[in-house]
Every structure is written in structure tokens, then in C-alpha cells.
């Protein structure tokens, strides 16, 4: 079922664990809003395909915990997506930062080659790396690239 021209409901609910249908259907409108945001991302990066990661769309609490997600993760509400494309993650991150798009949180995972984006008004940009113990470290960066 299409949410937007390029994104399906199924892409957002695919995961390593089964997402109960009732839970997923309750999040339909928010998933559609997130897909619309991704359509904007496609436009600013040259209209190339985006790929939502496994467990990168809607998550249950169990799946979120298994993925190391925050307890307040917007993935739980269908308001976030982890995606990759043929372009470098940092290039995509900077194009989004410099764009007209309205987004809530933007995180680049350069060593894992994907970006996270969410809807909302939080307006936060982060770059994720790992410390010497392999634990995630998030560096806050300015909203707009200079």
C-alpha cells in the first residue's frame, strides 16, 4: 500500500520482528507524514532512491530495545526513519541541513552509512560515532552547514 509516490507502508513496517497489524495501522497517518518528509529528502539529493533500513521505520518496544533505541524514540510512533542511498551519508546529512525541509531530528551515522530523520519541531543535528569501547557518542552540530 502506497503512503506516497515512492514509499510503501510495508517498507516502514519491515523488521527483524513481526509488528502487530493493529499497532502498525494505528500509526498509518504518522507513517504517511514521515514518508512525505522522505519525499522531500529525495528531491534535495537528486531524486535518487532511498532505502529504509530493516527496523528503520516503525518499531515495537521490543524491536526498539533490541536496536538500542531511546525509550522515547520516534520510531515507536512512526515519526522517524533510518535510510541510506547511493550518496555518502555525510553528503546527504549536509544537503538536508542546508535545505528548506522541516524536520525534527537529523542524525548521520557515517561509519554505518545511513541517516536518521524524524518529523516534529525539535530541530536537532547530530553526528554519531563510537568511543573506544564501541559505545555510541553523539556530537551536536549547527543546524545549518557553514
N, C-alpha and C. Protein backbone atom coordinates (compact mmCIF):
# COMPACT_ATOMS: atom_id res chain seq x y z
N UNK A 1 0.85 -1.17 0.00
CA UNK A 1 0.00 0.00 0.00
C UNK A 1 0.90 1.24 0.00
N UNK A 2 0.66 2.14 -0.94
CA UNK A 2 1.46 3.35 -1.05
C UNK A 2 1.11 4.36 0.03
N UNK A 3 2.16 4.92 0.65
CA UNK A 3 1.99 6.06 1.55
C UNK A 3 2.17 7.35 0.75
N UNK A 4 3.17 7.32 -0.14
CA UNK A 4 3.48 8.43 -1.03
C UNK A 4 3.91 7.83 -2.36
N UNK A 5 4.34 8.68 -3.28
CA UNK A 5 4.73 8.19 -4.61
C UNK A 5 5.82 7.13 -4.56
N UNK A 6 6.79 7.27 -3.66
CA UNK A 6 7.94 6.37 -3.65
C UNK A 6 8.05 5.47 -2.42
N UNK A 7 7.15 5.58 -1.47
CA UNK A 7 7.28 4.81 -0.22
C UNK A 7 6.00 4.05 0.11
N UNK A 8 6.19 2.81 0.52
CA UNK A 8 5.05 1.96 0.87
C UNK A 8 4.96 1.76 2.38
N UNK A 9 3.78 1.43 2.80
CA UNK A 9 3.52 1.09 4.20
C UNK A 9 4.41 -0.08 4.61
N UNK A 10 4.55 -1.04 3.72
CA UNK A 10 5.33 -2.25 4.01
C UNK A 10 6.81 -1.93 4.28
N UNK A 11 7.37 -0.95 3.58
CA UNK A 11 8.76 -0.56 3.82
C UNK A 11 8.97 -0.08 5.25
N UNK A 12 7.98 0.60 5.78
CA UNK A 12 8.09 1.17 7.12
C UNK A 12 7.86 0.15 8.23
N UNK A 13 7.22 -0.96 7.91
CA UNK A 13 6.93 -1.94 8.96
C UNK A 13 7.77 -3.21 8.84
N UNK A 14 8.66 -3.28 7.83
CA UNK A 14 9.52 -4.45 7.72
C UNK A 14 10.52 -4.41 8.87
N UNK A 15 10.79 -5.56 9.41
CA UNK A 15 11.73 -5.57 10.52
C UNK A 15 12.20 -6.96 10.86
N UNK A 16 13.05 -7.01 11.85
CA UNK A 16 13.58 -8.29 12.30
C UNK A 16 12.55 -9.05 13.15
N UNK A 17 11.53 -8.35 13.60
CA UNK A 17 10.44 -8.94 14.37
C UNK A 17 9.12 -8.54 13.72
N UNK A 18 8.12 -9.34 13.89
CA UNK A 18 6.80 -9.03 13.33
C UNK A 18 6.18 -7.88 14.12
N UNK A 19 5.67 -6.91 13.39
CA UNK A 19 4.96 -5.79 14.01
C UNK A 19 3.47 -6.12 13.94
N UNK A 20 2.79 -6.15 15.08
CA UNK A 20 1.36 -6.46 15.07
C UNK A 20 0.59 -5.49 14.16
N UNK A 21 -0.29 -6.04 13.35
CA UNK A 21 -1.03 -5.24 12.36
C UNK A 21 -1.79 -4.09 13.01
N UNK A 22 -2.45 -4.34 14.13
CA UNK A 22 -3.23 -3.29 14.78
C UNK A 22 -2.34 -2.12 15.21
N UNK A 23 -1.16 -2.44 15.75
CA UNK A 23 -0.18 -1.41 16.16
C UNK A 23 0.24 -0.59 14.95
N UNK A 24 0.56 -1.25 13.84
CA UNK A 24 1.03 -0.57 12.63
C UNK A 24 -0.06 0.30 12.03
N UNK A 25 -1.27 -0.20 11.97
CA UNK A 25 -2.38 0.55 11.37
C UNK A 25 -2.68 1.81 12.17
N UNK A 26 -2.53 1.75 13.49
CA UNK A 26 -2.75 2.92 14.33
C UNK A 26 -1.77 4.05 14.00
N UNK A 27 -0.63 3.70 13.46
CA UNK A 27 0.42 4.68 13.16
C UNK A 27 0.40 5.14 11.69
N UNK A 28 -0.61 4.73 10.94
CA UNK A 28 -0.65 4.98 9.49
C UNK A 28 -0.43 6.46 9.15
N UNK A 29 -1.16 7.37 9.77
CA UNK A 29 -1.06 8.79 9.42
C UNK A 29 0.33 9.35 9.72
N UNK A 30 0.92 8.93 10.81
CA UNK A 30 2.27 9.39 11.14
C UNK A 30 3.29 8.81 10.17
N UNK A 31 3.10 7.56 9.76
CA UNK A 31 3.99 6.97 8.76
C UNK A 31 3.89 7.73 7.44
N UNK A 32 2.69 8.14 7.10
CA UNK A 32 2.48 8.91 5.86
C UNK A 32 3.21 10.26 5.95
N UNK A 33 3.17 10.90 7.10
CA UNK A 33 3.88 12.17 7.30
C UNK A 33 5.40 11.96 7.18
N UNK A 34 5.91 10.87 7.74
CA UNK A 34 7.34 10.57 7.64
C UNK A 34 7.72 10.27 6.20
N UNK A 35 6.89 9.53 5.49
CA UNK A 35 7.15 9.23 4.08
C UNK A 35 7.15 10.51 3.25
N UNK A 36 6.28 11.45 3.57
CA UNK A 36 6.24 12.74 2.87
C UNK A 36 7.54 13.50 3.10
N UNK A 37 8.06 13.46 4.32
CA UNK A 37 9.36 14.08 4.61
C UNK A 37 10.46 13.43 3.77
N UNK A 38 10.44 12.11 3.66
CA UNK A 38 11.43 11.41 2.83
C UNK A 38 11.31 11.76 1.35
N UNK A 39 10.12 12.05 0.89
CA UNK A 39 9.95 12.52 -0.49
C UNK A 39 10.72 13.83 -0.68
N UNK A 40 10.66 14.69 0.32
CA UNK A 40 11.43 15.94 0.27
C UNK A 40 12.93 15.68 0.25
N UNK A 41 13.37 14.70 1.02
CA UNK A 41 14.79 14.33 1.01
C UNK A 41 15.19 13.87 -0.38
N UNK A 42 14.37 13.03 -0.99
CA UNK A 42 14.66 12.56 -2.36
C UNK A 42 14.88 13.74 -3.31
N UNK A 43 14.02 14.75 -3.22
CA UNK A 43 14.12 15.91 -4.12
C UNK A 43 15.45 16.63 -3.93
N UNK A 44 15.86 16.85 -2.70
CA UNK A 44 17.07 17.65 -2.49
C UNK A 44 18.36 16.90 -2.77
N UNK A 45 18.31 15.57 -2.81
CA UNK A 45 19.54 14.82 -3.08
C UNK A 45 19.63 14.34 -4.53
N UNK A 46 18.70 14.78 -5.36
CA UNK A 46 18.79 14.44 -6.78
C UNK A 46 17.81 13.39 -7.24
N UNK A 47 16.71 13.21 -6.51
CA UNK A 47 15.65 12.27 -6.85
C UNK A 47 16.17 10.84 -7.08
N UNK A 48 17.07 10.42 -6.21
CA UNK A 48 17.55 9.04 -6.26
C UNK A 48 16.83 8.22 -5.18
N UNK A 49 16.72 6.92 -5.36
CA UNK A 49 16.00 6.09 -4.39
C UNK A 49 16.62 6.13 -2.99
N UNK A 50 15.75 6.10 -1.99
CA UNK A 50 16.14 5.96 -0.59
C UNK A 50 15.70 4.58 -0.14
N UNK A 51 16.48 3.98 0.73
CA UNK A 51 16.18 2.65 1.24
C UNK A 51 16.04 2.72 2.75
N UNK A 52 14.86 2.37 3.24
CA UNK A 52 14.63 2.34 4.68
C UNK A 52 15.25 1.06 5.23
N UNK A 53 16.06 1.22 6.26
CA UNK A 53 16.75 0.07 6.87
C UNK A 53 15.76 -0.90 7.51
N UNK A 54 16.17 -2.16 7.63
CA UNK A 54 15.39 -3.12 8.42
C UNK A 54 15.33 -2.57 9.83
N UNK A 55 14.17 -2.53 10.41
CA UNK A 55 13.92 -1.92 11.73
C UNK A 55 14.13 -0.41 11.71
N UNK A 56 14.22 0.20 10.52
CA UNK A 56 14.48 1.63 10.41
C UNK A 56 13.23 2.48 10.30
N UNK A 57 12.07 1.85 10.27
CA UNK A 57 10.82 2.60 10.24
C UNK A 57 10.12 2.45 11.58
N UNK A 58 8.91 1.95 11.54
CA UNK A 58 8.13 1.74 12.76
C UNK A 58 8.72 0.59 13.56
N UNK A 59 8.81 0.79 14.86
CA UNK A 59 9.33 -0.25 15.76
C UNK A 59 8.36 -0.49 16.92
N UNK A 60 8.31 -1.73 17.36
CA UNK A 60 7.64 -2.03 18.62
C UNK A 60 8.63 -1.72 19.73
N UNK A 61 8.19 -1.75 20.97
CA UNK A 61 9.09 -1.50 22.10
C UNK A 61 10.19 -2.55 22.14
N UNK A 62 9.83 -3.79 21.84
CA UNK A 62 10.81 -4.88 21.85
C UNK A 62 11.89 -4.66 20.79
N UNK A 63 11.46 -4.36 19.58
CA UNK A 63 12.42 -4.14 18.50
C UNK A 63 13.27 -2.91 18.77
N UNK A 64 12.67 -1.88 19.32
CA UNK A 64 13.41 -0.67 19.64
C UNK A 64 14.52 -0.97 20.65
N UNK A 65 14.20 -1.74 21.66
CA UNK A 65 15.19 -2.11 22.68
C UNK A 65 16.33 -2.93 22.06
N UNK A 66 15.98 -3.88 21.20
CA UNK A 66 17.00 -4.70 20.53
C UNK A 66 17.92 -3.88 19.64
N UNK A 67 17.41 -2.75 19.13
CA UNK A 67 18.21 -1.89 18.26
C UNK A 67 18.93 -0.78 19.03
N UNK A 68 18.83 -0.79 20.33
CA UNK A 68 19.50 0.23 21.14
C UNK A 68 18.83 1.59 21.06
N UNK A 69 17.55 1.60 20.70
CA UNK A 69 16.82 2.87 20.57
C UNK A 69 16.49 3.48 21.92
N UNK A 70 16.34 4.79 21.92
CA UNK A 70 15.96 5.51 23.13
C UNK A 70 14.54 5.13 23.54
N UNK A 71 14.26 5.21 24.82
CA UNK A 71 12.91 4.88 25.32
C UNK A 71 11.85 5.80 24.74
N UNK A 72 12.27 6.98 24.33
CA UNK A 72 11.33 7.95 23.74
C UNK A 72 11.51 8.05 22.23
N UNK A 73 12.08 7.03 21.61
CA UNK A 73 12.35 7.03 20.17
C UNK A 73 11.09 7.33 19.36
N UNK A 74 11.25 8.19 18.36
CA UNK A 74 10.13 8.50 17.48
C UNK A 74 9.81 7.34 16.54
N UNK A 75 10.69 6.35 16.45
CA UNK A 75 10.39 5.14 15.68
C UNK A 75 9.16 4.44 16.27
N UNK A 76 8.95 4.56 17.57
CA UNK A 76 7.82 3.92 18.24
C UNK A 76 6.48 4.50 17.81
N UNK A 77 6.52 5.72 17.30
CA UNK A 77 5.29 6.40 16.86
C UNK A 77 5.14 6.46 15.35
N UNK A 78 6.15 5.98 14.62
CA UNK A 78 6.10 6.08 13.16
C UNK A 78 6.55 7.44 12.66
N UNK A 79 7.25 8.18 13.50
CA UNK A 79 7.66 9.55 13.17
C UNK A 79 9.13 9.65 12.76
N UNK A 80 9.80 8.53 12.52
CA UNK A 80 11.23 8.56 12.18
C UNK A 80 11.56 7.46 11.18
N UNK A 81 12.65 7.68 10.46
CA UNK A 81 13.14 6.66 9.52
C UNK A 81 14.66 6.70 9.47
N UNK A 82 15.25 5.52 9.39
CA UNK A 82 16.67 5.36 9.13
C UNK A 82 16.78 4.94 7.67
N UNK A 83 17.59 5.66 6.90
CA UNK A 83 17.63 5.40 5.47
C UNK A 83 19.05 5.56 4.93
N UNK A 84 19.26 4.93 3.78
CA UNK A 84 20.51 5.07 3.06
C UNK A 84 20.17 5.29 1.59
N UNK A 85 21.21 5.64 0.83
CA UNK A 85 21.05 5.82 -0.62
C UNK A 85 22.42 5.69 -1.26
N UNK A 86 22.50 5.96 -2.54
CA UNK A 86 23.76 5.81 -3.27
C UNK A 86 24.77 6.90 -2.93
N UNK A 87 24.35 7.94 -2.22
CA UNK A 87 25.26 9.02 -1.83
C UNK A 87 25.82 8.77 -0.44
N UNK A 88 26.95 9.41 -0.17
CA UNK A 88 27.59 9.34 1.14
C UNK A 88 26.67 9.91 2.22
N UNK A 89 26.63 9.26 3.38
CA UNK A 89 25.74 9.68 4.47
C UNK A 89 26.01 11.12 4.91
N UNK A 90 27.26 11.53 4.97
CA UNK A 90 27.57 12.90 5.38
C UNK A 90 27.14 13.92 4.33
N UNK A 91 27.26 13.56 3.06
CA UNK A 91 26.79 14.44 1.99
C UNK A 91 25.28 14.64 2.10
N UNK A 92 24.56 13.55 2.31
CA UNK A 92 23.10 13.62 2.46
C UNK A 92 22.74 14.45 3.69
N UNK A 93 23.41 14.19 4.79
CA UNK A 93 23.20 14.93 6.04
C UNK A 93 23.34 16.43 5.80
N UNK A 94 24.41 16.84 5.13
CA UNK A 94 24.65 18.27 4.90
C UNK A 94 23.65 18.87 3.91
N UNK A 95 23.25 18.12 2.90
CA UNK A 95 22.22 18.61 1.98
C UNK A 95 20.90 18.85 2.71
N UNK A 96 20.55 17.96 3.62
CA UNK A 96 19.31 18.13 4.40
C UNK A 96 19.44 19.34 5.31
N UNK A 97 20.57 19.48 5.98
CA UNK A 97 20.79 20.63 6.89
C UNK A 97 20.64 21.96 6.16
N UNK A 98 21.10 22.02 4.91
CA UNK A 98 21.08 23.26 4.14
C UNK A 98 19.76 23.48 3.40
N UNK A 99 18.83 22.57 3.53
CA UNK A 99 17.61 22.59 2.72
C UNK A 99 16.47 23.36 3.36
N UNK A 100 15.39 23.42 2.60
CA UNK A 100 14.14 24.04 3.02
C UNK A 100 13.29 23.10 3.88
N UNK A 101 13.70 21.85 4.02
CA UNK A 101 12.87 20.86 4.72
C UNK A 101 12.68 21.21 6.19
N UNK A 102 11.50 20.87 6.68
CA UNK A 102 11.22 20.99 8.11
C UNK A 102 11.28 19.59 8.70
N UNK A 103 12.21 19.38 9.61
CA UNK A 103 12.40 18.08 10.24
C UNK A 103 12.64 18.30 11.71
N UNK A 104 12.54 17.23 12.49
CA UNK A 104 12.73 17.33 13.93
C UNK A 104 14.15 17.00 14.35
N UNK A 105 14.59 15.82 14.01
CA UNK A 105 15.94 15.37 14.38
C UNK A 105 16.61 14.78 13.15
N UNK A 106 17.88 15.10 13.00
CA UNK A 106 18.67 14.59 11.89
C UNK A 106 19.97 14.06 12.47
N UNK A 107 20.25 12.79 12.21
CA UNK A 107 21.48 12.17 12.71
C UNK A 107 22.18 11.46 11.57
N UNK A 108 23.47 11.72 11.42
CA UNK A 108 24.30 11.00 10.45
C UNK A 108 25.06 9.90 11.19
N UNK A 109 25.07 8.72 10.60
CA UNK A 109 25.85 7.59 11.09
C UNK A 109 26.86 7.26 9.98
N UNK A 110 27.93 8.07 9.85
CA UNK A 110 28.83 7.90 8.71
C UNK A 110 29.50 6.53 8.63
N UNK A 111 29.90 5.96 9.76
CA UNK A 111 30.56 4.65 9.70
C UNK A 111 29.58 3.53 9.40
N UNK A 112 28.29 3.77 9.62
CA UNK A 112 27.28 2.76 9.29
C UNK A 112 26.55 3.11 7.99
N UNK A 113 26.91 4.24 7.40
CA UNK A 113 26.45 4.65 6.08
C UNK A 113 24.94 4.90 5.95
N UNK A 114 24.35 5.49 7.00
CA UNK A 114 22.94 5.86 6.90
C UNK A 114 22.66 7.12 7.70
N UNK A 115 21.46 7.67 7.48
CA UNK A 115 20.97 8.83 8.22
C UNK A 115 19.65 8.48 8.89
N UNK A 116 19.38 9.20 9.95
CA UNK A 116 18.11 9.11 10.68
C UNK A 116 17.45 10.48 10.54
N UNK A 117 16.16 10.48 10.26
CA UNK A 117 15.42 11.74 10.21
C UNK A 117 14.07 11.53 10.86
N UNK A 118 13.57 12.58 11.52
CA UNK A 118 12.25 12.47 12.13
C UNK A 118 11.45 13.73 11.86
N UNK A 119 10.15 13.60 12.03
CA UNK A 119 9.25 14.73 11.91
C UNK A 119 9.27 15.49 13.24
N UNK A 120 8.57 16.58 13.30
CA UNK A 120 8.48 17.34 14.55
C UNK A 120 9.25 18.64 14.49
N UNK A 121 9.36 19.28 15.63
CA UNK A 121 9.95 20.61 15.71
C UNK A 121 11.19 20.68 16.59
N UNK A 122 11.72 19.56 16.99
CA UNK A 122 12.88 19.52 17.89
C UNK A 122 14.09 20.27 17.32
N UNK A 123 14.34 20.15 16.02
CA UNK A 123 15.45 20.80 15.31
C UNK A 123 16.79 20.52 15.99
N UNK A 124 17.23 19.30 15.81
CA UNK A 124 18.49 18.87 16.39
C UNK A 124 19.29 18.11 15.34
N UNK A 125 20.58 18.46 15.21
CA UNK A 125 21.50 17.79 14.28
C UNK A 125 22.61 17.13 15.08
N UNK A 126 22.84 15.85 14.79
CA UNK A 126 23.88 15.10 15.50
C UNK A 126 24.66 14.24 14.51
N UNK A 127 25.92 14.00 14.86
CA UNK A 127 26.73 13.03 14.12
C UNK A 127 27.10 11.94 15.12
N UNK A 128 26.80 10.70 14.77
CA UNK A 128 27.04 9.56 15.66
C UNK A 128 28.37 8.89 15.30
N UNK A 129 29.17 8.68 16.32
CA UNK A 129 30.40 7.91 16.18
C UNK A 129 30.43 6.92 17.34
N UNK A 130 31.53 6.22 17.48
CA UNK A 130 31.66 5.29 18.60
C UNK A 130 32.93 5.62 19.38
N UNK A 131 32.86 5.43 20.69
CA UNK A 131 34.05 5.65 21.50
C UNK A 131 34.93 4.40 21.48
N UNK A 132 36.00 4.41 22.25
CA UNK A 132 36.96 3.30 22.24
C UNK A 132 36.36 1.98 22.71
N UNK A 133 35.20 2.04 23.38
CA UNK A 133 34.54 0.83 23.85
C UNK A 133 33.41 0.37 22.92
N UNK A 134 33.25 1.07 21.81
CA UNK A 134 32.21 0.72 20.84
C UNK A 134 30.84 1.28 21.19
N UNK A 135 30.79 2.15 22.18
CA UNK A 135 29.53 2.75 22.59
C UNK A 135 29.25 3.99 21.75
N UNK A 136 27.98 4.26 21.47
CA UNK A 136 27.66 5.43 20.64
C UNK A 136 27.97 6.75 21.34
N UNK A 137 28.49 7.68 20.56
CA UNK A 137 28.77 9.04 21.02
C UNK A 137 28.12 9.97 20.00
N UNK A 138 27.34 10.92 20.48
CA UNK A 138 26.63 11.84 19.60
C UNK A 138 27.19 13.24 19.76
N UNK A 139 27.62 13.83 18.65
CA UNK A 139 28.16 15.18 18.66
C UNK A 139 27.12 16.10 18.03
N UNK A 140 26.72 17.11 18.80
CA UNK A 140 25.77 18.09 18.30
C UNK A 140 26.48 19.02 17.31
N UNK A 141 25.84 19.30 16.20
CA UNK A 141 26.40 20.19 15.19
C UNK A 141 25.37 21.29 14.87
N UNK A 142 25.85 22.42 14.33
CA UNK A 142 24.90 23.50 13.99
C UNK A 142 23.81 23.03 13.02
N UNK A 143 22.67 23.64 13.12
CA UNK A 143 21.54 23.27 12.26
C UNK A 143 21.85 23.44 10.78
N UNK A 144 22.61 24.44 10.44
CA UNK A 144 22.93 24.70 9.04
C UNK A 144 24.42 24.57 8.83
N UNK A 145 24.81 23.92 7.74
CA UNK A 145 26.22 23.78 7.41
C UNK A 145 26.76 25.16 7.01
N UNK A 146 27.98 25.42 7.39
CA UNK A 146 28.62 26.71 7.06
C UNK A 146 29.61 26.53 5.94
